[in-house]
PDB file of N, CA and C in Angstrom:
ATOM      1  N   MET A   1      11.506   7.258 -39.014  1.00  0.00           N
ATOM      2  CA  MET A   1      10.661   6.172 -38.574  1.00  0.00           C
ATOM      3  C   MET A   1      10.239   6.406 -37.117  1.00  0.00           C
ATOM      4  N   VAL A   2       8.963   6.302 -36.869  1.00  0.00           N
ATOM      5  CA  VAL A   2       8.402   6.508 -35.533  1.00  0.00           C
ATOM      6  C   VAL A   2       8.473   5.191 -34.767  1.00  0.00           C
ATOM      7  N   PRO A   3       9.040   5.244 -33.543  1.00  0.00           N
ATOM      8  CA  PRO A   3       9.099   4.000 -32.775  1.00  0.00           C
ATOM      9  C   PRO A   3       7.702   3.548 -32.342  1.00  0.00           C
ATOM     10  N   ALA A   4       7.548   2.246 -32.200  1.00  0.00           N
ATOM     11  CA  ALA A   4       6.263   1.692 -31.768  1.00  0.00           C
ATOM     12  C   ALA A   4       6.004   2.089 -30.318  1.00  0.00           C
ATOM     13  N   PRO A   5       4.762   2.383 -29.997  1.00  0.00           N
ATOM     14  CA  PRO A   5       4.459   2.739 -28.598  1.00  0.00           C
ATOM     15  C   PRO A   5       4.707   1.554 -27.667  1.00  0.00           C
ATOM     16  N   ARG A   6       5.110   1.870 -26.455  1.00  0.00           N
ATOM     17  CA  ARG A   6       5.345   0.819 -25.460  1.00  0.00           C
ATOM     18  C   ARG A   6       4.006   0.306 -24.932  1.00  0.00           C
ATOM     19  N   PRO A   7       3.967  -0.953 -24.568  1.00  0.00           N
ATOM     20  CA  PRO A   7       2.726  -1.462 -23.960  1.00  0.00           C
ATOM     21  C   PRO A   7       2.444  -0.741 -22.641  1.00  0.00           C
ATOM     22  N   SER A   8       1.188  -0.640 -22.303  1.00  0.00           N
ATOM     23  CA  SER A   8       0.778   0.104 -21.102  1.00  0.00           C
ATOM     24  C   SER A   8       0.903  -0.712 -19.815  1.00  0.00           C
ATOM     25  N   GLY A   9       1.208  -1.980 -19.909  1.00  0.00           N
ATOM     26  CA  GLY A   9       1.231  -2.850 -18.735  1.00  0.00           C
ATOM     27  C   GLY A   9       2.188  -2.420 -17.644  1.00  0.00           C
ATOM     28  N   ALA A  10       3.382  -1.978 -18.014  1.00  0.00           N
ATOM     29  CA  ALA A  10       4.362  -1.572 -16.995  1.00  0.00           C
ATOM     30  C   ALA A  10       3.876  -0.353 -16.214  1.00  0.00           C
ATOM     31  N   SER A  11       3.243   0.570 -16.893  1.00  0.00           N
ATOM     32  CA  SER A  11       2.712   1.760 -16.214  1.00  0.00           C
ATOM     33  C   SER A  11       1.569   1.396 -15.283  1.00  0.00           C
ATOM     34  N   VAL A  12       0.701   0.530 -15.748  1.00  0.00           N
ATOM     35  CA  VAL A  12      -0.419   0.093 -14.913  1.00  0.00           C
ATOM     36  C   VAL A  12       0.100  -0.682 -13.708  1.00  0.00           C
ATOM     37  N   ALA A  13       1.129  -1.486 -13.903  1.00  0.00           N
ATOM     38  CA  ALA A  13       1.721  -2.239 -12.784  1.00  0.00           C
ATOM     39  C   ALA A  13       2.239  -1.289 -11.706  1.00  0.00           C
ATOM     40  N   ALA A  14       2.912  -0.226 -12.115  1.00  0.00           N
ATOM     41  CA  ALA A  14       3.434   0.749 -11.151  1.00  0.00           C
ATOM     42  C   ALA A  14       2.293   1.455 -10.413  1.00  0.00           C
ATOM     43  N   LEU A  15       1.254   1.829 -11.136  1.00  0.00           N
ATOM     44  CA  LEU A  15       0.111   2.507 -10.541  1.00  0.00           C
ATOM     45  C   LEU A  15      -0.613   1.606  -9.539  1.00  0.00           C
ATOM     46  N   LEU A  16      -0.874   0.367  -9.938  1.00  0.00           N
ATOM     47  CA  LEU A  16      -1.565  -0.562  -9.044  1.00  0.00           C
ATOM     48  C   LEU A  16      -0.717  -0.903  -7.821  1.00  0.00           C
ATOM     49  N   ALA A  17       0.589  -1.022  -8.002  1.00  0.00           N
ATOM     50  CA  ALA A  17       1.462  -1.325  -6.867  1.00  0.00           C
ATOM     51  C   ALA A  17       1.430  -0.209  -5.836  1.00  0.00           C
ATOM     52  N   ALA A  18       1.416   1.030  -6.292  1.00  0.00           N
ATOM     53  CA  ALA A  18       1.321   2.160  -5.356  1.00  0.00           C
ATOM     54  C   ALA A  18       0.002   2.106  -4.594  1.00  0.00           C
ATOM     55  N   ALA A  19      -1.078   1.805  -5.294  1.00  0.00           N
ATOM     56  CA  ALA A  19      -2.382   1.709  -4.650  1.00  0.00           C
ATOM     57  C   ALA A  19      -2.413   0.558  -3.647  1.00  0.00           C
ATOM     58  N   ILE A  20      -1.825  -0.567  -4.003  1.00  0.00           N
ATOM     59  CA  ILE A  20      -1.772  -1.711  -3.092  1.00  0.00           C
ATOM     60  C   ILE A  20      -0.967  -1.368  -1.844  1.00  0.00           C
ATOM     61  N   GLY A  21       0.171  -0.720  -2.023  1.00  0.00           N
ATOM     62  CA  GLY A  21       0.994  -0.331  -0.887  1.00  0.00           C
ATOM     63  C   GLY A  21       0.243   0.577   0.078  1.00  0.00           C
ATOM     64  N   LEU A  22      -0.469   1.558  -0.450  1.00  0.00           N
ATOM     65  CA  LEU A  22      -1.223   2.474   0.412  1.00  0.00           C
ATOM     66  C   LEU A  22      -2.424   1.792   1.059  1.00  0.00           C
ATOM     67  N   LEU A  23      -3.038   0.874   0.347  1.00  0.00           N
ATOM     68  CA  LEU A  23      -4.152   0.134   0.932  1.00  0.00           C
ATOM     69  C   LEU A  23      -3.666  -0.756   2.082  1.00  0.00           C
ATOM     70  N   VAL A  24      -2.506  -1.376   1.918  1.00  0.00           N
ATOM     71  CA  VAL A  24      -1.927  -2.177   3.002  1.00  0.00           C
ATOM     72  C   VAL A  24      -1.608  -1.284   4.200  1.00  0.00           C
ATOM     73  N   LEU A  25      -1.039  -0.109   3.951  1.00  0.00           N
ATOM     74  CA  LEU A  25      -0.764   0.827   5.037  1.00  0.00           C
ATOM     75  C   LEU A  25      -2.048   1.159   5.804  1.00  0.00           C
ATOM     76  N   ALA A  26      -3.122   1.414   5.090  1.00  0.00           N
ATOM     77  CA  ALA A  26      -4.389   1.753   5.729  1.00  0.00           C
ATOM     78  C   ALA A  26      -4.940   0.574   6.527  1.00  0.00           C
ATOM     79  N   LEU A  27      -4.863  -0.618   5.973  1.00  0.00           N
ATOM     80  CA  LEU A  27      -5.377  -1.794   6.677  1.00  0.00           C
ATOM     81  C   LEU A  27      -4.565  -2.095   7.937  1.00  0.00           C
ATOM     82  N   VAL A  28      -3.251  -1.927   7.846  1.00  0.00           N
ATOM     83  CA  VAL A  28      -2.420  -2.132   9.035  1.00  0.00           C
ATOM     84  C   VAL A  28      -2.723  -1.057  10.072  1.00  0.00           C
ATOM     85  N   GLN A  29      -2.978   0.162   9.630  1.00  0.00           N
ATOM     86  CA  GLN A  29      -3.352   1.245  10.548  1.00  0.00           C
ATOM     87  C   GLN A  29      -4.605   0.872  11.332  1.00  0.00           C
ATOM     88  N   VAL A  30      -5.622   0.425  10.627  1.00  0.00           N
ATOM     89  CA  VAL A  30      -6.868   0.049  11.278  1.00  0.00           C
ATOM     90  C   VAL A  30      -6.638  -1.137  12.214  1.00  0.00           C
ATOM     91  N   ALA A  31      -5.893  -2.135  11.754  1.00  0.00           N
ATOM     92  CA  ALA A  31      -5.652  -3.322  12.574  1.00  0.00           C
ATOM     93  C   ALA A  31      -4.882  -2.987  13.848  1.00  0.00           C
ATOM     94  N   THR A  32      -3.923  -2.061  13.757  1.00  0.00           N
ATOM     95  CA  THR A  32      -3.172  -1.695  14.963  1.00  0.00           C
ATOM     96  C   THR A  32      -4.027  -0.919  15.950  1.00  0.00           C
ATOM     97  N   GLU A  33      -5.008  -0.198  15.454  1.00  0.00           N
ATOM     98  CA  GLU A  33      -5.911   0.521  16.346  1.00  0.00           C
ATOM     99  C   GLU A  33      -6.911  -0.417  17.012  1.00  0.00           C
ATOM    100  N   LEU A  34      -7.223  -1.521  16.351  1.00  0.00           N
ATOM    101  CA  LEU A  34      -8.208  -2.456  16.886  1.00  0.00           C
ATOM    102  C   LEU A  34      -7.593  -3.516  17.801  1.00  0.00           C
ATOM    103  N   ASN A  35      -6.287  -3.762  17.672  1.00  0.00           N
ATOM    104  CA  ASN A  35      -5.665  -4.861  18.402  1.00  0.00           C
ATOM    105  C   ASN A  35      -4.313  -4.423  18.962  1.00  0.00           C
ATOM    106  N   ALA A  36      -4.215  -4.319  20.270  1.00  0.00           N
ATOM    107  CA  ALA A  36      -2.986  -3.834  20.912  1.00  0.00           C
ATOM    108  C   ALA A  36      -1.813  -4.787  20.722  1.00  0.00           C
ATOM    109  N   SER A  37      -2.051  -6.086  20.732  1.00  0.00           N
ATOM    110  CA  SER A  37      -0.930  -7.021  20.547  1.00  0.00           C
ATOM    111  C   SER A  37      -0.405  -6.965  19.108  1.00  0.00           C
ATOM    112  N   PHE A  38      -1.299  -6.757  18.143  1.00  0.00           N
ATOM    113  CA  PHE A  38      -0.850  -6.582  16.758  1.00  0.00           C
ATOM    114  C   PHE A  38      -0.041  -5.298  16.626  1.00  0.00           C
ATOM    115  N   LYS A  39      -0.470  -4.262  17.337  1.00  0.00           N
ATOM    116  CA  LYS A  39       0.253  -2.982  17.331  1.00  0.00           C
ATOM    117  C   LYS A  39       1.678  -3.182  17.835  1.00  0.00           C
ATOM    118  N   ASP A  40       1.839  -3.958  18.906  1.00  0.00           N
ATOM    119  CA  ASP A  40       3.167  -4.244  19.443  1.00  0.00           C
ATOM    120  C   ASP A  40       4.012  -5.035  18.438  1.00  0.00           C
ATOM    121  N   SER A  41       3.378  -5.980  17.758  1.00  0.00           N
ATOM    122  CA  SER A  41       4.093  -6.775  16.747  1.00  0.00           C
ATOM    123  C   SER A  41       4.550  -5.909  15.581  1.00  0.00           C
ATOM    124  N   VAL A  42       3.688  -5.027  15.148  1.00  0.00           N
ATOM    125  CA  VAL A  42       4.033  -4.124  14.041  1.00  0.00           C
ATOM    126  C   VAL A  42       5.188  -3.219  14.453  1.00  0.00           C
ATOM    127  N   PHE A  43       5.149  -2.726  15.679  1.00  0.00           N
ATOM    128  CA  PHE A  43       6.229  -1.880  16.191  1.00  0.00           C
ATOM    129  C   PHE A  43       7.540  -2.665  16.238  1.00  0.00           C
ATOM    130  N   ALA A  44       7.482  -3.929  16.630  1.00  0.00           N
ATOM    131  CA  ALA A  44       8.690  -4.766  16.682  1.00  0.00           C
ATOM    132  C   ALA A  44       9.300  -4.949  15.292  1.00  0.00           C
ATOM    133  N   VAL A  45       8.455  -5.061  14.282  1.00  0.00           N
ATOM    134  CA  VAL A  45       8.956  -5.182  12.901  1.00  0.00           C
ATOM    135  C   VAL A  45       9.724  -3.922  12.513  1.00  0.00           C
ATOM    136  N   GLY A  46       9.184  -2.766  12.834  1.00  0.00           N
ATOM    137  CA  GLY A  46       9.858  -1.512  12.505  1.00  0.00           C
ATOM    138  C   GLY A  46      11.158  -1.339  13.264  1.00  0.00           C
ATOM    139  N   LYS A  47      11.134  -1.700  14.555  1.00  0.00           N
ATOM    140  CA  LYS A  47      12.339  -1.561  15.382  1.00  0.00           C
ATOM    141  C   LYS A  47      13.459  -2.492  14.909  1.00  0.00           C
ATOM    142  N   ALA A  48      13.087  -3.572  14.238  1.00  0.00           N
ATOM    143  CA  ALA A  48      14.083  -4.552  13.806  1.00  0.00           C
ATOM    144  C   ALA A  48      15.064  -3.990  12.788  1.00  0.00           C
ATOM    145  N   TRP A  49      14.664  -2.966  12.031  1.00  0.00           N
ATOM    146  CA  TRP A  49      15.581  -2.499  10.990  1.00  0.00           C
ATOM    147  C   TRP A  49      15.637  -0.983  10.804  1.00  0.00           C
ATOM    148  N   ILE A  50      14.753  -0.226  11.412  1.00  0.00           N
ATOM    149  CA  ILE A  50      14.769   1.227  11.233  1.00  0.00           C
ATOM    150  C   ILE A  50      15.450   1.887  12.426  1.00  0.00           C
ATOM    151  N   PRO A  51      16.587   2.545  12.204  1.00  0.00           N
ATOM    152  CA  PRO A  51      17.244   3.242  13.307  1.00  0.00           C
ATOM    153  C   PRO A  51      16.341   4.352  13.852  1.00  0.00           C
ATOM    154  N   GLY A  52      16.253   4.453  15.153  1.00  0.00           N
ATOM    155  CA  GLY A  52      15.432   5.483  15.768  1.00  0.00           C
ATOM    156  C   GLY A  52      13.942   5.204  15.710  1.00  0.00           C
ATOM    157  N   ALA A  53      13.559   3.956  15.438  1.00  0.00           N
ATOM    158  CA  ALA A  53      12.142   3.611  15.316  1.00  0.00           C
ATOM    159  C   ALA A  53      11.373   3.871  16.601  1.00  0.00           C
ATOM    160  N   ALA A  54      12.058   3.814  17.738  1.00  0.00           N
ATOM    161  CA  ALA A  54      11.380   4.053  19.014  1.00  0.00           C
ATOM    162  C   ALA A  54      10.797   5.464  19.056  1.00  0.00           C
ATOM    163  N   GLY A  55      11.393   6.369  18.320  1.00  0.00           N
ATOM    164  CA  GLY A  55      10.914   7.751  18.303  1.00  0.00           C
ATOM    165  C   GLY A  55       9.626   7.951  17.531  1.00  0.00           C
ATOM    166  N   ILE A  56       9.317   7.042  16.604  1.00  0.00           N
ATOM    167  CA  ILE A  56       8.088   7.200  15.822  1.00  0.00           C
ATOM    168  C   ILE A  56       7.068   6.100  16.115  1.00  0.00           C
ATOM    169  N   GLY A  57       7.430   5.164  16.964  1.00  0.00           N
ATOM    170  CA  GLY A  57       6.493   4.136  17.394  1.00  0.00           C
ATOM    171  C   GLY A  57       6.092   3.166  16.300  1.00  0.00           C
ATOM    172  N   PRO A  58       4.861   2.651  16.360  1.00  0.00           N
ATOM    173  CA  PRO A  58       4.413   1.628  15.427  1.00  0.00           C
ATOM    174  C   PRO A  58       4.401   2.079  13.970  1.00  0.00           C
ATOM    175  N   TYR A  59       4.480   3.385  13.743  1.00  0.00           N
ATOM    176  CA  TYR A  59       4.496   3.867  12.355  1.00  0.00           C
ATOM    177  C   TYR A  59       5.654   3.247  11.572  1.00  0.00           C
ATOM    178  N   SER A  60       6.765   2.969  12.262  1.00  0.00           N
ATOM    179  CA  SER A  60       7.908   2.352  11.575  1.00  0.00           C
ATOM    180  C   SER A  60       7.540   0.985  11.007  1.00  0.00           C
ATOM    181  N   GLY A  61       6.787   0.214  11.753  1.00  0.00           N
ATOM    182  CA  GLY A  61       6.349  -1.088  11.268  1.00  0.00           C
ATOM    183  C   GLY A  61       5.299  -0.973  10.178  1.00  0.00           C
ATOM    184  N   LYS A  62       4.420   0.012  10.319  1.00  0.00           N
ATOM    185  CA  LYS A  62       3.400   0.236   9.294  1.00  0.00           C
ATOM    186  C   LYS A  62       4.058   0.563   7.957  1.00  0.00           C
ATOM    187  N   GLU A  63       5.078   1.402   8.016  1.00  0.00           N
ATOM    188  CA  GLU A  63       5.814   1.746   6.799  1.00  0.00           C
ATOM    189  C   GLU A  63       6.522   0.522   6.214  1.00  0.00           C
ATOM    190  N   THR A  64       7.010  -0.347   7.075  1.00  0.00           N
ATOM    191  CA  THR A  64       7.663  -1.564   6.606  1.00  0.00           C
ATOM    192  C   THR A  64       6.681  -2.435   5.830  1.00  0.00           C
ATOM    193  N   PHE A  65       5.489  -2.630   6.394  1.00  0.00           N
ATOM    194  CA  PHE A  65       4.471  -3.416   5.700  1.00  0.00           C
ATOM    195  C   PHE A  65       4.107  -2.770   4.366  1.00  0.00           C
ATOM    196  N   MET A  66       3.985  -1.436   4.358  1.00  0.00           N
ATOM    197  CA  MET A  66       3.648  -0.739   3.124  1.00  0.00           C
ATOM    198  C   MET A  66       4.734  -0.925   2.065  1.00  0.00           C
ATOM    199  N   LEU A  67       5.998  -0.787   2.481  1.00  0.00           N
ATOM    200  CA  LEU A  67       7.105  -0.937   1.531  1.00  0.00           C
ATOM    201  C   LEU A  67       7.161  -2.341   0.936  1.00  0.00           C
ATOM    202  N   VAL A  68       6.985  -3.347   1.781  1.00  0.00           N
ATOM    203  CA  VAL A  68       7.010  -4.734   1.302  1.00  0.00           C
ATOM    204  C   VAL A  68       5.857  -4.979   0.324  1.00  0.00           C
ATOM    205  N   ALA A  69       4.668  -4.497   0.665  1.00  0.00           N
ATOM    206  CA  ALA A  69       3.519  -4.678  -0.224  1.00  0.00           C
ATOM    207  C   ALA A  69       3.712  -3.944  -1.543  1.00  0.00           C
ATOM    208  N   TRP A  70       4.204  -2.719  -1.469  1.00  0.00           N
ATOM    209  CA  TRP A  70       4.410  -1.925  -2.679  1.00  0.00           C
ATOM    210  C   TRP A  70       5.457  -2.558  -3.598  1.00  0.00           C
ATOM    211  N   LEU A  71       6.637  -2.824  -3.042  1.00  0.00           N
ATOM    212  CA  LEU A  71       7.707  -3.375  -3.880  1.00  0.00           C
ATOM    213  C   LEU A  71       7.393  -4.792  -4.349  1.00  0.00           C
ATOM    214  N   GLY A  72       6.813  -5.591  -3.458  1.00  0.00           N
ATOM    215  CA  GLY A  72       6.467  -6.963  -3.849  1.00  0.00           C
ATOM    216  C   GLY A  72       5.407  -7.001  -4.938  1.00  0.00           C
ATOM    217  N   SER A  73       4.360  -6.205  -4.773  1.00  0.00           N
ATOM    218  CA  SER A  73       3.311  -6.199  -5.793  1.00  0.00           C
ATOM    219  C   SER A  73       3.798  -5.588  -7.095  1.00  0.00           C
ATOM    220  N   TRP A  74       4.673  -4.613  -6.992  1.00  0.00           N
ATOM    221  CA  TRP A  74       5.223  -4.019  -8.216  1.00  0.00           C
ATOM    222  C   TRP A  74       6.050  -5.051  -8.981  1.00  0.00           C
ATOM    223  N   ALA A  75       6.875  -5.803  -8.281  1.00  0.00           N
ATOM    224  CA  ALA A  75       7.683  -6.827  -8.944  1.00  0.00           C
ATOM    225  C   ALA A  75       6.797  -7.868  -9.626  1.00  0.00           C
ATOM    226  N   VAL A  76       5.786  -8.337  -8.921  1.00  0.00           N
ATOM    227  CA  VAL A  76       4.903  -9.363  -9.492  1.00  0.00           C
ATOM    228  C   VAL A  76       4.100  -8.794 -10.657  1.00  0.00           C
ATOM    229  N   LEU A  77       3.466  -7.643 -10.449  1.00  0.00           N
ATOM    230  CA  LEU A  77       2.650  -7.054 -11.512  1.00  0.00           C
ATOM    231  C   LEU A  77       3.477  -6.663 -12.726  1.00  0.00           C
ATOM    232  N   HIS A  78       4.671  -6.143 -12.496  1.00  0.00           N
ATOM    233  CA  HIS A  78       5.534  -5.782 -13.623  1.00  0.00           C
ATOM    234  C   HIS A  78       5.896  -7.025 -14.422  1.00  0.00           C
ATOM    235  N   GLY A  79       6.230  -8.114 -13.715  1.00  0.00           N
ATOM    236  CA  GLY A  79       6.559  -9.355 -14.411  1.00  0.00           C
ATOM    237  C   GLY A  79       5.403  -9.886 -15.241  1.00  0.00           C
ATOM    238  N   VAL A  80       4.191  -9.720 -14.735  1.00  0.00           N
ATOM    239  CA  VAL A  80       3.010 -10.235 -15.427  1.00  0.00           C
ATOM    240  C   VAL A  80       2.552  -9.309 -16.563  1.00  0.00           C
ATOM    241  N   LEU A  81       2.635  -8.004 -16.348  1.00  0.00           N
ATOM    242  CA  LEU A  81       2.011  -7.048 -17.276  1.00  0.00           C
ATOM    243  C   LEU A  81       2.955  -6.309 -18.220  1.00  0.00           C
ATOM    244  N   ARG A  82       4.244  -6.398 -18.011  1.00  0.00           N
ATOM    245  CA  ARG A  82       5.159  -5.494 -18.719  1.00  0.00           C
ATOM    246  C   ARG A  82       5.072  -5.549 -20.236  1.00  0.00           C
ATOM    247  N   ARG A  83       4.727  -6.663 -20.808  1.00  0.00           N
ATOM    248  CA  ARG A  83       4.664  -6.767 -22.274  1.00  0.00           C
ATOM    249  C   ARG A  83       3.233  -6.757 -22.805  1.00  0.00           C
ATOM    250  N   LYS A  84       2.286  -6.448 -21.924  1.00  0.00           N
ATOM    251  CA  LYS A  84       0.878  -6.496 -22.318  1.00  0.00           C
ATOM    252  C   LYS A  84       0.308  -5.095 -22.471  1.00  0.00           C
ATOM    253  N   GLU A  85      -0.641  -5.010 -23.345  1.00  0.00           N
ATOM    254  CA  GLU A  85      -1.415  -3.779 -23.500  1.00  0.00           C
ATOM    255  C   GLU A  85      -2.691  -3.963 -22.677  1.00  0.00           C
ATOM    256  N   VAL A  86      -2.868  -3.132 -21.677  1.00  0.00           N
ATOM    257  CA  VAL A  86      -4.047  -3.239 -20.816  1.00  0.00           C
ATOM    258  C   VAL A  86      -4.813  -1.926 -20.851  1.00  0.00           C
ATOM    259  N   ASP A  87      -6.056  -2.002 -20.446  1.00  0.00           N
ATOM    260  CA  ASP A  87      -6.915  -0.813 -20.454  1.00  0.00           C
ATOM    261  C   ASP A  87      -6.540   0.097 -19.284  1.00  0.00           C
ATOM    262  N   VAL A  88      -5.854   1.169 -19.593  1.00  0.00           N
ATOM    263  CA  VAL A  88      -5.377   2.098 -18.565  1.00  0.00           C
ATOM    264  C   VAL A  88      -6.546   2.748 -17.836  1.00  0.00           C
ATOM    265  N   ARG A  89      -7.596   3.059 -18.534  1.00  0.00           N
ATOM    266  CA  ARG A  89      -8.741   3.719 -17.908  1.00  0.00           C
ATOM    267  C   ARG A  89      -9.383   2.806 -16.853  1.00  0.00           C
ATOM    268  N   THR A  90      -9.594   1.557 -17.177  1.00  0.00           N
ATOM    269  CA  THR A  90     -10.201   0.621 -16.225  1.00  0.00           C
ATOM    270  C   THR A  90      -9.308   0.431 -15.009  1.00  0.00           C
ATOM    271  N   TRP A  91      -8.035   0.142 -15.236  1.00  0.00           N
ATOM    272  CA  TRP A  91      -7.116  -0.113 -14.120  1.00  0.00           C
ATOM    273  C   TRP A  91      -6.793   1.160 -13.355  1.00  0.00           C
ATOM    274  N   GLY A  92      -6.840   2.286 -14.031  1.00  0.00           N
ATOM    275  CA  GLY A  92      -6.697   3.559 -13.324  1.00  0.00           C
ATOM    276  C   GLY A  92      -7.873   3.782 -12.387  1.00  0.00           C
ATOM    277  N   GLY A  93      -9.061   3.396 -12.818  1.00  0.00           N
ATOM    278  CA  GLY A  93     -10.239   3.490 -11.966  1.00  0.00           C
ATOM    279  C   GLY A  93     -10.139   2.578 -10.756  1.00  0.00           C
ATOM    280  N   VAL A  94      -9.631   1.371 -10.974  1.00  0.00           N
ATOM    281  CA  VAL A  94      -9.428   0.445  -9.857  1.00  0.00           C
ATOM    282  C   VAL A  94      -8.435   1.041  -8.863  1.00  0.00           C
ATOM    283  N   ALA A  95      -7.355   1.603  -9.368  1.00  0.00           N
ATOM    284  CA  ALA A  95      -6.349   2.221  -8.494  1.00  0.00           C
ATOM    285  C   ALA A  95      -6.946   3.410  -7.753  1.00  0.00           C
ATOM    286  N   PHE A  96      -7.761   4.191  -8.420  1.00  0.00           N
ATOM    287  CA  PHE A  96      -8.401   5.340  -7.774  1.00  0.00           C
ATOM    288  C   PHE A  96      -9.305   4.893  -6.630  1.00  0.00           C
ATOM    289  N   VAL A  97     -10.089   3.849  -6.853  1.00  0.00           N
ATOM    290  CA  VAL A  97     -10.973   3.325  -5.806  1.00  0.00           C
ATOM    291  C   VAL A  97     -10.141   2.820  -4.628  1.00  0.00           C
ATOM    292  N   ALA A  98      -9.045   2.111  -4.906  1.00  0.00           N
ATOM    293  CA  ALA A  98      -8.174   1.620  -3.832  1.00  0.00           C
ATOM    294  C   ALA A  98      -7.566   2.783  -3.052  1.00  0.00           C
ATOM    295  N   LEU A  99      -7.136   3.815  -3.743  1.00  0.00           N
ATOM    296  CA  LEU A  99      -6.576   4.991  -3.066  1.00  0.00           C
ATOM    297  C   LEU A  99      -7.642   5.719  -2.238  1.00  0.00           C
ATOM    298  N   ALA A 100      -8.856   5.813  -2.761  1.00  0.00           N
ATOM    299  CA  ALA A 100      -9.937   6.451  -2.011  1.00  0.00           C
ATOM    300  C   ALA A 100     -10.266   5.644  -0.752  1.00  0.00           C
ATOM    301  N   LEU A 101     -10.298   4.331  -0.878  1.00  0.00           N
ATOM    302  CA  LEU A 101     -10.563   3.473   0.275  1.00  0.00           C
ATOM    303  C   LEU A 101      -9.439   3.587   1.304  1.00  0.00           C
ATOM    304  N   ALA A 102      -8.198   3.604   0.839  1.00  0.00           N
ATOM    305  CA  ALA A 102      -7.051   3.753   1.746  1.00  0.00           C
ATOM    306  C   ALA A 102      -7.126   5.092   2.483  1.00  0.00           C
ATOM    307  N   THR A 103      -7.457   6.137   1.775  1.00  0.00           N
ATOM    308  CA  THR A 103      -7.583   7.453   2.393  1.00  0.00           C
ATOM    309  C   THR A 103      -8.692   7.456   3.441  1.00  0.00           C
ATOM    310  N   LEU A 104      -9.809   6.857   3.099  1.00  0.00           N
ATOM    311  CA  LEU A 104     -10.929   6.784   4.033  1.00  0.00           C
ATOM    312  C   LEU A 104     -10.542   5.992   5.284  1.00  0.00           C
ATOM    313  N   LEU A 105      -9.872   4.865   5.111  1.00  0.00           N
ATOM    314  CA  LEU A 105      -9.481   4.038   6.254  1.00  0.00           C
ATOM    315  C   LEU A 105      -8.448   4.726   7.155  1.00  0.00           C
ATOM    316  N   MET A 106      -7.607   5.577   6.580  1.00  0.00           N
ATOM    317  CA  MET A 106      -6.594   6.253   7.385  1.00  0.00           C
ATOM    318  C   MET A 106      -7.118   7.523   8.048  1.00  0.00           C
ATOM    319  N   TRP A 107      -8.338   7.894   7.757  1.00  0.00           N
ATOM    320  CA  TRP A 107      -8.931   9.078   8.349  1.00  0.00           C
ATOM    321  C   TRP A 107      -9.362   8.734   9.770  1.00  0.00           C
ATOM    322  N   PRO A 108      -8.834   9.435  10.778  1.00  0.00           N
ATOM    323  CA  PRO A 108      -9.096   9.073  12.176  1.00  0.00           C
ATOM    324  C   PRO A 108     -10.563   8.869  12.554  1.00  0.00           C
ATOM    325  N   PRO A 109     -11.509   9.691  12.088  1.00  0.00           N
ATOM    326  CA  PRO A 109     -12.892   9.414  12.484  1.00  0.00           C
ATOM    327  C   PRO A 109     -13.383   8.026  12.053  1.00  0.00           C
ATOM    328  N   VAL A 110     -12.886   7.529  10.933  1.00  0.00           N
ATOM    329  CA  VAL A 110     -13.314   6.212  10.460  1.00  0.00           C
ATOM    330  C   VAL A 110     -12.782   5.123  11.368  1.00  0.00           C
ATOM    331  N   TRP A 111     -11.474   5.141  11.687  1.00  0.00           N
ATOM    332  CA  TRP A 111     -10.991   4.064  12.533  1.00  0.00           C
ATOM    333  C   TRP A 111     -11.418   4.216  13.978  1.00  0.00           C
ATOM    334  N   HIS A 112     -11.817   5.413  14.390  1.00  0.00           N
ATOM    335  CA  HIS A 112     -12.414   5.554  15.718  1.00  0.00           C
ATOM    336  C   HIS A 112     -13.793   4.881  15.752  1.00  0.00           C
ATOM    337  N   VAL A 113     -14.547   5.009  14.671  1.00  0.00           N
ATOM    338  CA  VAL A 113     -15.845   4.342  14.581  1.00  0.00           C
ATOM    339  C   VAL A 113     -15.658   2.822  14.556  1.00  0.00           C
ATOM    340  N   LEU A 114     -14.687   2.361  13.767  1.00  0.00           N
ATOM    341  CA  LEU A 114     -14.418   0.923  13.705  1.00  0.00           C
ATOM    342  C   LEU A 114     -13.974   0.378  15.057  1.00  0.00           C
ATOM    343  N   LYS A 115     -13.279   1.220  15.805  1.00  0.00           N
ATOM    344  CA  LYS A 115     -12.774   0.840  17.129  1.00  0.00           C
ATOM    345  C   LYS A 115     -13.914   0.815  18.151  1.00  0.00           C
ATOM    346  N   GLY A 116     -15.001   1.458  17.811  1.00  0.00           N
ATOM    347  CA  GLY A 116     -16.137   1.490  18.715  1.00  0.00           C
ATOM    348  C   GLY A 116     -16.100   2.677  19.669  1.00  0.00           C
ATOM    349  N   GLY A 117     -15.339   3.710  19.306  1.00  0.00           N
ATOM    350  CA  GLY A 117     -15.209   4.834  20.220  1.00  0.00           C
ATOM    351  C   GLY A 117     -15.658   6.110  19.705  1.00  0.00           C
TER     352      GLY A 117
END
């Protein structure tokens, strides 16, 4: 007897959560470049729990925001989608667009333009 295929929702939830996490990382990157006080706040978040965060600067806080967004969105999306069959192609395309946007936002020439420099 062949087992029934698993619903695609859990896989899509994991894929979308990764895309959300990277998009948050990119948005925080841009925001820290545009606002010095936000950059200091982000650095304080990283220093609060990452040993040696002073050595990597605000990146520690950026990673914290990314981790929270990734794990939080994965938990929510998994809870909502785990038993559902969803269109992997459509949601894969959405994730691809989010990853492309995140990559574009993290590219230094883009945030230099946004910064006005």
